[in-house]
PDB file of all heavy atoms in Angstrom:
ATOM      1  N   PRO A   1     -17.174  16.825  10.454  1.00  0.00           N
ATOM      2  CA  PRO A   1     -16.663  15.630  11.154  1.00  0.00           C
ATOM      3  C   PRO A   1     -16.248  14.509  10.217  1.00  0.00           C
ATOM      4  O   PRO A   1     -15.505  13.617  10.613  1.00  0.00           O
ATOM      5  CB  PRO A   1     -17.850  15.215  12.036  1.00  0.00           C
ATOM      6  CG  PRO A   1     -19.051  15.809  11.390  1.00  0.00           C
ATOM      7  CD  PRO A   1     -18.592  17.094  10.771  1.00  0.00           C
ATOM      8  N   ARG A   2     -16.709  14.544   8.962  1.00  0.00           N
ATOM      9  CA  ARG A   2     -16.339  13.488   8.016  1.00  0.00           C
ATOM     10  C   ARG A   2     -14.870  13.564   7.629  1.00  0.00           C
ATOM     11  O   ARG A   2     -14.320  12.607   7.067  1.00  0.00           O
ATOM     12  CB  ARG A   2     -17.215  13.576   6.769  1.00  0.00           C
ATOM     13  CG  ARG A   2     -18.690  13.294   7.037  1.00  0.00           C
ATOM     14  CD  ARG A   2     -19.544  13.653   5.843  1.00  0.00           C
ATOM     15  NE  ARG A   2     -19.396  15.067   5.500  1.00  0.00           N
ATOM     16  CZ  ARG A   2     -20.024  15.642   4.478  1.00  0.00           C
ATOM     17  NH1 ARG A   2     -20.839  14.922   3.732  1.00  0.00           N
ATOM     18  NH2 ARG A   2     -19.843  16.919   4.209  1.00  0.00           N
ATOM     19  N   LEU A   3     -14.208  14.692   7.931  1.00  0.00           N
ATOM     20  CA  LEU A   3     -12.772  14.801   7.673  1.00  0.00           C
ATOM     21  C   LEU A   3     -11.984  13.729   8.416  1.00  0.00           C
ATOM     22  O   LEU A   3     -10.920  13.311   7.961  1.00  0.00           O
ATOM     23  CB  LEU A   3     -12.263  16.184   8.088  1.00  0.00           C
ATOM     24  CG  LEU A   3     -12.708  17.376   7.242  1.00  0.00           C
ATOM     25  CD1 LEU A   3     -12.270  18.680   7.905  1.00  0.00           C
ATOM     26  CD2 LEU A   3     -12.139  17.290   5.839  1.00  0.00           C
ATOM     27  N   LEU A   4     -12.515  13.281   9.551  1.00  0.00           N
ATOM     28  CA  LEU A   4     -11.827  12.281  10.360  1.00  0.00           C
ATOM     29  C   LEU A   4     -11.540  11.020   9.560  1.00  0.00           C
ATOM     30  O   LEU A   4     -10.532  10.341   9.792  1.00  0.00           O
ATOM     31  CB  LEU A   4     -12.669  11.939  11.593  1.00  0.00           C
ATOM     32  CG  LEU A   4     -12.095  10.902  12.558  1.00  0.00           C
ATOM     33  CD1 LEU A   4     -10.821  11.429  13.213  1.00  0.00           C
ATOM     34  CD2 LEU A   4     -13.125  10.525  13.619  1.00  0.00           C
ATOM     35  N   PHE A   5     -12.393  10.684   8.607  1.00  0.00           N
ATOM     36  CA  PHE A   5     -12.261   9.442   7.850  1.00  0.00           C
ATOM     37  C   PHE A   5     -11.553   9.642   6.513  1.00  0.00           C
ATOM     38  O   PHE A   5     -11.470   8.704   5.720  1.00  0.00           O
ATOM     39  CB  PHE A   5     -13.652   8.832   7.622  1.00  0.00           C
ATOM     40  CG  PHE A   5     -14.424   8.632   8.892  1.00  0.00           C
ATOM     41  CD1 PHE A   5     -15.468   9.483   9.227  1.00  0.00           C
ATOM     42  CD2 PHE A   5     -14.082   7.622   9.764  1.00  0.00           C
ATOM     43  CE1 PHE A   5     -16.172   9.306  10.400  1.00  0.00           C
ATOM     44  CE2 PHE A   5     -14.773   7.441  10.949  1.00  0.00           C
ATOM     45  CZ  PHE A   5     -15.827   8.293  11.277  1.00  0.00           C
ATOM     46  N   GLN A   6     -11.064  10.850   6.255  1.00  0.00           N
ATOM     47  CA  GLN A   6     -10.351  11.097   5.007  1.00  0.00           C
ATOM     48  C   GLN A   6      -8.856  10.873   5.205  1.00  0.00           C
ATOM     49  O   GLN A   6      -8.262  11.335   6.177  1.00  0.00           O
ATOM     50  CB  GLN A   6     -10.624  12.518   4.513  1.00  0.00           C
ATOM     51  CG  GLN A   6     -12.067  12.745   4.090  1.00  0.00           C
ATOM     52  CD  GLN A   6     -12.296  14.124   3.513  1.00  0.00           C
ATOM     53  OE1 GLN A   6     -11.355  14.862   3.239  1.00  0.00           O
ATOM     54  NE2 GLN A   6     -13.557  14.484   3.339  1.00  0.00           N
ATOM     55  N   VAL A   7      -8.264  10.172   4.257  1.00  0.00           N
ATOM     56  CA  VAL A   7      -6.859   9.780   4.384  1.00  0.00           C
ATOM     57  C   VAL A   7      -5.950  11.004   4.473  1.00  0.00           C
ATOM     58  O   VAL A   7      -4.946  10.985   5.202  1.00  0.00           O
ATOM     59  CB  VAL A   7      -6.460   8.856   3.217  1.00  0.00           C
ATOM     60  CG1 VAL A   7      -6.620   9.555   1.877  1.00  0.00           C
ATOM     61  CG2 VAL A   7      -5.034   8.363   3.390  1.00  0.00           C
ATOM     62  N   GLY A   8      -6.290  12.090   3.771  1.00  0.00           N
ATOM     63  CA  GLY A   8      -5.461  13.291   3.834  1.00  0.00           C
ATOM     64  C   GLY A   8      -5.416  13.882   5.224  1.00  0.00           C
ATOM     65  O   GLY A   8      -4.345  14.319   5.693  1.00  0.00           O
ATOM     66  N   PHE A   9      -6.545  13.935   5.906  1.00  0.00           N
ATOM     67  CA  PHE A   9      -6.609  14.439   7.280  1.00  0.00           C
ATOM     68  C   PHE A   9      -5.742  13.581   8.192  1.00  0.00           C
ATOM     69  O   PHE A   9      -4.954  14.087   9.001  1.00  0.00           O
ATOM     70  CB  PHE A   9      -8.066  14.435   7.744  1.00  0.00           C
ATOM     71  CG  PHE A   9      -8.273  14.925   9.150  1.00  0.00           C
ATOM     72  CD1 PHE A   9      -8.509  16.273   9.401  1.00  0.00           C
ATOM     73  CD2 PHE A   9      -8.240  14.046  10.223  1.00  0.00           C
ATOM     74  CE1 PHE A   9      -8.702  16.728  10.703  1.00  0.00           C
ATOM     75  CE2 PHE A   9      -8.432  14.493  11.521  1.00  0.00           C
ATOM     76  CZ  PHE A   9      -8.668  15.832  11.759  1.00  0.00           C
ATOM     77  N   GLN A  10      -5.881  12.265   8.068  1.00  0.00           N
ATOM     78  CA  GLN A  10      -5.121  11.352   8.921  1.00  0.00           C
ATOM     79  C   GLN A  10      -3.624  11.469   8.667  1.00  0.00           C
ATOM     80  O   GLN A  10      -2.818  11.513   9.614  1.00  0.00           O
ATOM     81  CB  GLN A  10      -5.606   9.921   8.680  1.00  0.00           C
ATOM     82  CG  GLN A  10      -7.054   9.691   9.064  1.00  0.00           C
ATOM     83  CD  GLN A  10      -7.594   8.371   8.550  1.00  0.00           C
ATOM     84  OE1 GLN A  10      -6.855   7.492   8.131  1.00  0.00           O
ATOM     85  NE2 GLN A  10      -8.907   8.224   8.563  1.00  0.00           N
ATOM     86  N   LEU A  11      -3.223  11.526   7.394  1.00  0.00           N
ATOM     87  CA  LEU A  11      -1.801  11.644   7.077  1.00  0.00           C
ATOM     88  C   LEU A  11      -1.217  12.963   7.577  1.00  0.00           C
ATOM     89  O   LEU A  11      -0.104  12.999   8.124  1.00  0.00           O
ATOM     90  CB  LEU A  11      -1.595  11.518   5.564  1.00  0.00           C
ATOM     91  CG  LEU A  11      -1.765  10.128   4.953  1.00  0.00           C
ATOM     92  CD1 LEU A  11      -1.725  10.207   3.433  1.00  0.00           C
ATOM     93  CD2 LEU A  11      -0.695   9.173   5.454  1.00  0.00           C
ATOM     94  N   SER A  12      -1.967  14.061   7.390  1.00  0.00           N
ATOM     95  CA  SER A  12      -1.465  15.374   7.799  1.00  0.00           C
ATOM     96  C   SER A  12      -1.188  15.417   9.292  1.00  0.00           C
ATOM     97  O   SER A  12      -0.091  15.823   9.724  1.00  0.00           O
ATOM     98  CB  SER A  12      -2.480  16.462   7.423  1.00  0.00           C
ATOM     99  OG  SER A  12      -2.635  16.559   6.032  1.00  0.00           O
ATOM    100  N   TYR A  13      -2.152  15.007  10.085  1.00  0.00           N
ATOM    101  CA  TYR A  13      -1.992  15.127  11.537  1.00  0.00           C
ATOM    102  C   TYR A  13      -1.011  14.096  12.090  1.00  0.00           C
ATOM    103  O   TYR A  13      -0.267  14.389  13.031  1.00  0.00           O
ATOM    104  CB  TYR A  13      -3.349  15.037  12.237  1.00  0.00           C
ATOM    105  CG  TYR A  13      -4.041  16.379  12.257  1.00  0.00           C
ATOM    106  CD1 TYR A  13      -4.891  16.755  11.228  1.00  0.00           C
ATOM    107  CD2 TYR A  13      -3.792  17.294  13.267  1.00  0.00           C
ATOM    108  CE1 TYR A  13      -5.505  17.997  11.220  1.00  0.00           C
ATOM    109  CE2 TYR A  13      -4.390  18.537  13.278  1.00  0.00           C
ATOM    110  CZ  TYR A  13      -5.240  18.893  12.250  1.00  0.00           C
ATOM    111  OH  TYR A  13      -5.827  20.134  12.234  1.00  0.00           O
ATOM    112  N   MET A  14      -0.992  12.893  11.509  1.00  0.00           N
ATOM    113  CA  MET A  14      -0.028  11.907  11.986  1.00  0.00           C
ATOM    114  C   MET A  14       1.397  12.363  11.673  1.00  0.00           C
ATOM    115  O   MET A  14       2.304  12.184  12.497  1.00  0.00           O
ATOM    116  CB  MET A  14      -0.303  10.552  11.344  1.00  0.00           C
ATOM    117  CG  MET A  14      -1.605   9.899  11.783  1.00  0.00           C
ATOM    118  SD  MET A  14      -1.818   9.797  13.576  1.00  0.00           S
ATOM    119  CE  MET A  14      -0.385   8.857  14.043  1.00  0.00           C
ATOM    120  N   ALA A  15       1.602  12.965  10.498  1.00  0.00           N
ATOM    121  CA  ALA A  15       2.945  13.422  10.137  1.00  0.00           C
ATOM    122  C   ALA A  15       3.411  14.555  11.046  1.00  0.00           C
ATOM    123  O   ALA A  15       4.523  14.505  11.599  1.00  0.00           O
ATOM    124  CB  ALA A  15       2.959  13.876   8.680  1.00  0.00           C
ATOM    125  N   VAL A  16       2.572  15.575  11.229  1.00  0.00           N
ATOM    126  CA  VAL A  16       2.973  16.729  12.044  1.00  0.00           C
ATOM    127  C   VAL A  16       3.136  16.330  13.511  1.00  0.00           C
ATOM    128  O   VAL A  16       4.112  16.713  14.175  1.00  0.00           O
ATOM    129  CB  VAL A  16       1.944  17.869  11.900  1.00  0.00           C
ATOM    130  CG1 VAL A  16       2.312  19.027  12.827  1.00  0.00           C
ATOM    131  CG2 VAL A  16       1.879  18.353  10.462  1.00  0.00           C
ATOM    132  N   PHE A  17       2.188  15.548  14.019  1.00  0.00           N
ATOM    133  CA  PHE A  17       2.268  15.117  15.414  1.00  0.00           C
ATOM    134  C   PHE A  17       3.530  14.287  15.647  1.00  0.00           C
ATOM    135  O   PHE A  17       4.218  14.444  16.665  1.00  0.00           O
ATOM    136  CB  PHE A  17       1.023  14.309  15.776  1.00  0.00           C
ATOM    137  CG  PHE A  17       1.014  13.816  17.199  1.00  0.00           C
ATOM    138  CD1 PHE A  17       0.759  14.684  18.244  1.00  0.00           C
ATOM    139  CD2 PHE A  17       1.266  12.483  17.485  1.00  0.00           C
ATOM    140  CE1 PHE A  17       0.756  14.232  19.558  1.00  0.00           C
ATOM    141  CE2 PHE A  17       1.269  12.026  18.778  1.00  0.00           C
ATOM    142  CZ  PHE A  17       1.012  12.898  19.829  1.00  0.00           C
ATOM    143  N   SER A  18       3.858  13.412  14.701  1.00  0.00           N
ATOM    144  CA  SER A  18       5.049  12.571  14.853  1.00  0.00           C
ATOM    145  C   SER A  18       6.324  13.401  14.809  1.00  0.00           C
ATOM    146  O   SER A  18       7.271  13.125  15.551  1.00  0.00           O
ATOM    147  CB  SER A  18       5.077  11.511  13.750  1.00  0.00           C
ATOM    148  OG  SER A  18       3.956  10.662  13.847  1.00  0.00           O
ATOM    149  N   ILE A  19       6.355  14.394  13.923  1.00  0.00           N
ATOM    150  CA  ILE A  19       7.537  15.255  13.856  1.00  0.00           C
ATOM    151  C   ILE A  19       7.735  15.994  15.173  1.00  0.00           C
ATOM    152  O   ILE A  19       8.844  16.048  15.720  1.00  0.00           O
ATOM    153  CB  ILE A  19       7.416  16.249  12.682  1.00  0.00           C
ATOM    154  CG1 ILE A  19       7.533  15.511  11.347  1.00  0.00           C
ATOM    155  CG2 ILE A  19       8.483  17.335  12.771  1.00  0.00           C
ATOM    156  CD1 ILE A  19       7.217  16.368  10.144  1.00  0.00           C
ATOM    157  N   VAL A  20       6.658  16.554  15.694  1.00  0.00           N
ATOM    158  CA  VAL A  20       6.752  17.321  16.947  1.00  0.00           C
ATOM    159  C   VAL A  20       7.137  16.420  18.112  1.00  0.00           C
ATOM    160  O   VAL A  20       7.923  16.808  18.990  1.00  0.00           O
ATOM    161  CB  VAL A  20       5.412  18.032  17.223  1.00  0.00           C
ATOM    162  CG1 VAL A  20       5.433  18.691  18.598  1.00  0.00           C
ATOM    163  CG2 VAL A  20       5.134  19.073  16.150  1.00  0.00           C
ATOM    164  N   LEU A  21       6.615  15.187  18.130  1.00  0.00           N
ATOM    165  CA  LEU A  21       6.831  14.295  19.268  1.00  0.00           C
ATOM    166  C   LEU A  21       8.122  13.487  19.152  1.00  0.00           C
ATOM    167  O   LEU A  21       8.904  13.399  20.105  1.00  0.00           O
ATOM    168  CB  LEU A  21       5.641  13.336  19.399  1.00  0.00           C
ATOM    169  CG  LEU A  21       5.698  12.331  20.557  1.00  0.00           C
ATOM    170  CD1 LEU A  21       5.645  13.056  21.896  1.00  0.00           C
ATOM    171  CD2 LEU A  21       4.556  11.324  20.457  1.00  0.00           C
ATOM    172  N   ILE A  22       8.360  12.899  17.983  1.00  0.00           N
ATOM    173  CA  ILE A  22       9.441  11.922  17.835  1.00  0.00           C
ATOM    174  C   ILE A  22      10.758  12.560  17.422  1.00  0.00           C
ATOM    175  O   ILE A  22      11.832  12.130  17.860  1.00  0.00           O
ATOM    176  CB  ILE A  22       9.033  10.832  16.814  1.00  0.00           C
ATOM    177  CG1 ILE A  22       7.770  10.108  17.288  1.00  0.00           C
ATOM    178  CG2 ILE A  22      10.155   9.831  16.606  1.00  0.00           C
ATOM    179  CD1 ILE A  22       7.226   9.104  16.284  1.00  0.00           C
ATOM    180  N   GLN A  23      10.710  13.597  16.586  1.00  0.00           N
ATOM    181  CA  GLN A  23      11.955  14.160  16.057  1.00  0.00           C
ATOM    182  C   GLN A  23      12.918  14.654  17.145  1.00  0.00           C
ATOM    183  O   GLN A  23      14.121  14.419  17.045  1.00  0.00           O
ATOM    184  CB  GLN A  23      11.631  15.278  15.062  1.00  0.00           C
ATOM    185  CG  GLN A  23      12.799  15.689  14.185  1.00  0.00           C
ATOM    186  CD  GLN A  23      13.572  16.877  14.744  1.00  0.00           C
ATOM    187  OE1 GLN A  23      13.088  17.548  15.671  1.00  0.00           O
ATOM    188  NE2 GLN A  23      14.748  17.158  14.188  1.00  0.00           N
ATOM    189  N   PRO A  24      12.436  15.324  18.215  1.00  0.00           N
ATOM    190  CA  PRO A  24      13.383  15.727  19.275  1.00  0.00           C
ATOM    191  C   PRO A  24      14.093  14.545  19.924  1.00  0.00           C
ATOM    192  O   PRO A  24      15.257  14.665  20.331  1.00  0.00           O
ATOM    193  CB  PRO A  24      12.486  16.467  20.281  1.00  0.00           C
ATOM    194  CG  PRO A  24      11.336  16.950  19.465  1.00  0.00           C
ATOM    195  CD  PRO A  24      11.084  15.878  18.460  1.00  0.00           C
ATOM    196  N   VAL A  25      13.414  13.415  20.019  1.00  0.00           N
ATOM    197  CA  VAL A  25      14.056  12.221  20.588  1.00  0.00           C
ATOM    198  C   VAL A  25      15.143  11.715  19.653  1.00  0.00           C
ATOM    199  O   VAL A  25      16.264  11.399  20.066  1.00  0.00           O
ATOM    200  CB  VAL A  25      13.008  11.117  20.845  1.00  0.00           C
ATOM    201  CG1 VAL A  25      13.680   9.838  21.335  1.00  0.00           C
ATOM    202  CG2 VAL A  25      11.984  11.592  21.863  1.00  0.00           C
ATOM    203  N   LEU A  26      14.824  11.649  18.343  1.00  0.00           N
ATOM    204  CA  LEU A  26      15.790  11.132  17.372  1.00  0.00           C
ATOM    205  C   LEU A  26      16.990  12.058  17.219  1.00  0.00           C
ATOM    206  O   LEU A  26      18.137  11.597  17.143  1.00  0.00           O
ATOM    207  CB  LEU A  26      15.100  10.939  16.012  1.00  0.00           C
ATOM    208  CG  LEU A  26      13.973   9.908  15.956  1.00  0.00           C
ATOM    209  CD1 LEU A  26      13.350   9.886  14.567  1.00  0.00           C
ATOM    210  CD2 LEU A  26      14.492   8.521  16.323  1.00  0.00           C
ATOM    211  N   VAL A  27      16.742  13.374  17.148  1.00  0.00           N
ATOM    212  CA  VAL A  27      17.843  14.304  16.893  1.00  0.00           C
ATOM    213  C   VAL A  27      18.817  14.334  18.063  1.00  0.00           C
ATOM    214  O   VAL A  27      20.007  14.622  17.892  1.00  0.00           O
ATOM    215  CB  VAL A  27      17.292  15.719  16.596  1.00  0.00           C
ATOM    216  CG1 VAL A  27      16.888  16.448  17.871  1.00  0.00           C
ATOM    217  CG2 VAL A  27      18.305  16.535  15.808  1.00  0.00           C
ATOM    218  N   GLY A  28      18.322  14.009  19.269  1.00  0.00           N
ATOM    219  CA  GLY A  28      19.207  14.009  20.431  1.00  0.00           C
ATOM    220  C   GLY A  28      20.050  12.759  20.570  1.00  0.00           C
ATOM    221  O   GLY A  28      20.947  12.698  21.412  1.00  0.00           O
ATOM    222  N   LEU A  29      19.753  11.731  19.733  1.00  0.00           N
ATOM    223  CA  LEU A  29      20.558  10.515  19.809  1.00  0.00           C
ATOM    224  C   LEU A  29      21.986  10.744  19.329  1.00  0.00           C
ATOM    225  O   LEU A  29      22.907  10.012  19.698  1.00  0.00           O
ATOM    226  CB  LEU A  29      19.899   9.411  18.959  1.00  0.00           C
ATOM    227  CG  LEU A  29      18.560   8.879  19.469  1.00  0.00           C
ATOM    228  CD1 LEU A  29      17.974   7.901  18.468  1.00  0.00           C
ATOM    229  CD2 LEU A  29      18.729   8.206  20.831  1.00  0.00           C
ATOM    230  N   TRP A  30      22.152  11.748  18.482  1.00  0.00           N
ATOM    231  CA  TRP A  30      23.491  12.034  17.954  1.00  0.00           C
ATOM    232  C   TRP A  30      23.610  13.541  17.739  1.00  0.00           C
ATOM    233  O   TRP A  30      22.777  14.143  17.090  1.00  0.00           O
ATOM    234  CB  TRP A  30      23.701  11.291  16.636  1.00  0.00           C
ATOM    235  CG  TRP A  30      25.146  11.233  16.241  1.00  0.00           C
ATOM    236  CD1 TRP A  30      25.832  12.167  15.530  1.00  0.00           C
ATOM    237  CD2 TRP A  30      26.078  10.202  16.537  1.00  0.00           C
ATOM    238  NE1 TRP A  30      27.125  11.794  15.362  1.00  0.00           N
ATOM    239  CE2 TRP A  30      27.326  10.572  15.971  1.00  0.00           C
ATOM    240  CE3 TRP A  30      26.000   9.002  17.238  1.00  0.00           C
ATOM    241  CZ2 TRP A  30      28.462   9.792  16.071  1.00  0.00           C
ATOM    242  CZ3 TRP A  30      27.137   8.208  17.345  1.00  0.00           C
ATOM    243  CH2 TRP A  30      28.345   8.609  16.766  1.00  0.00           C
ATOM    244  N   THR A  31      24.615  14.137  18.270  1.00  0.00           N
ATOM    245  CA  THR A  31      24.821  15.574  18.094  1.00  0.00           C
ATOM    246  C   THR A  31      26.115  15.817  17.337  1.00  0.00           C
ATOM    247  O   THR A  31      27.095  15.071  17.484  1.00  0.00           O
ATOM    248  CB  THR A  31      24.893  16.290  19.454  1.00  0.00           C
ATOM    249  OG1 THR A  31      25.911  15.678  20.253  1.00  0.00           O
ATOM    250  CG2 THR A  31      23.557  16.213  20.174  1.00  0.00           C
TER     251      THR A  31
END
């Protein structure tokens, strides 16, 4: 559970989650 407070864990999941969630919205703004 201490992984929760490690910067690498936070960066990894925030990056992947943001790509999965936000990238489809951005890519559809312009085709």
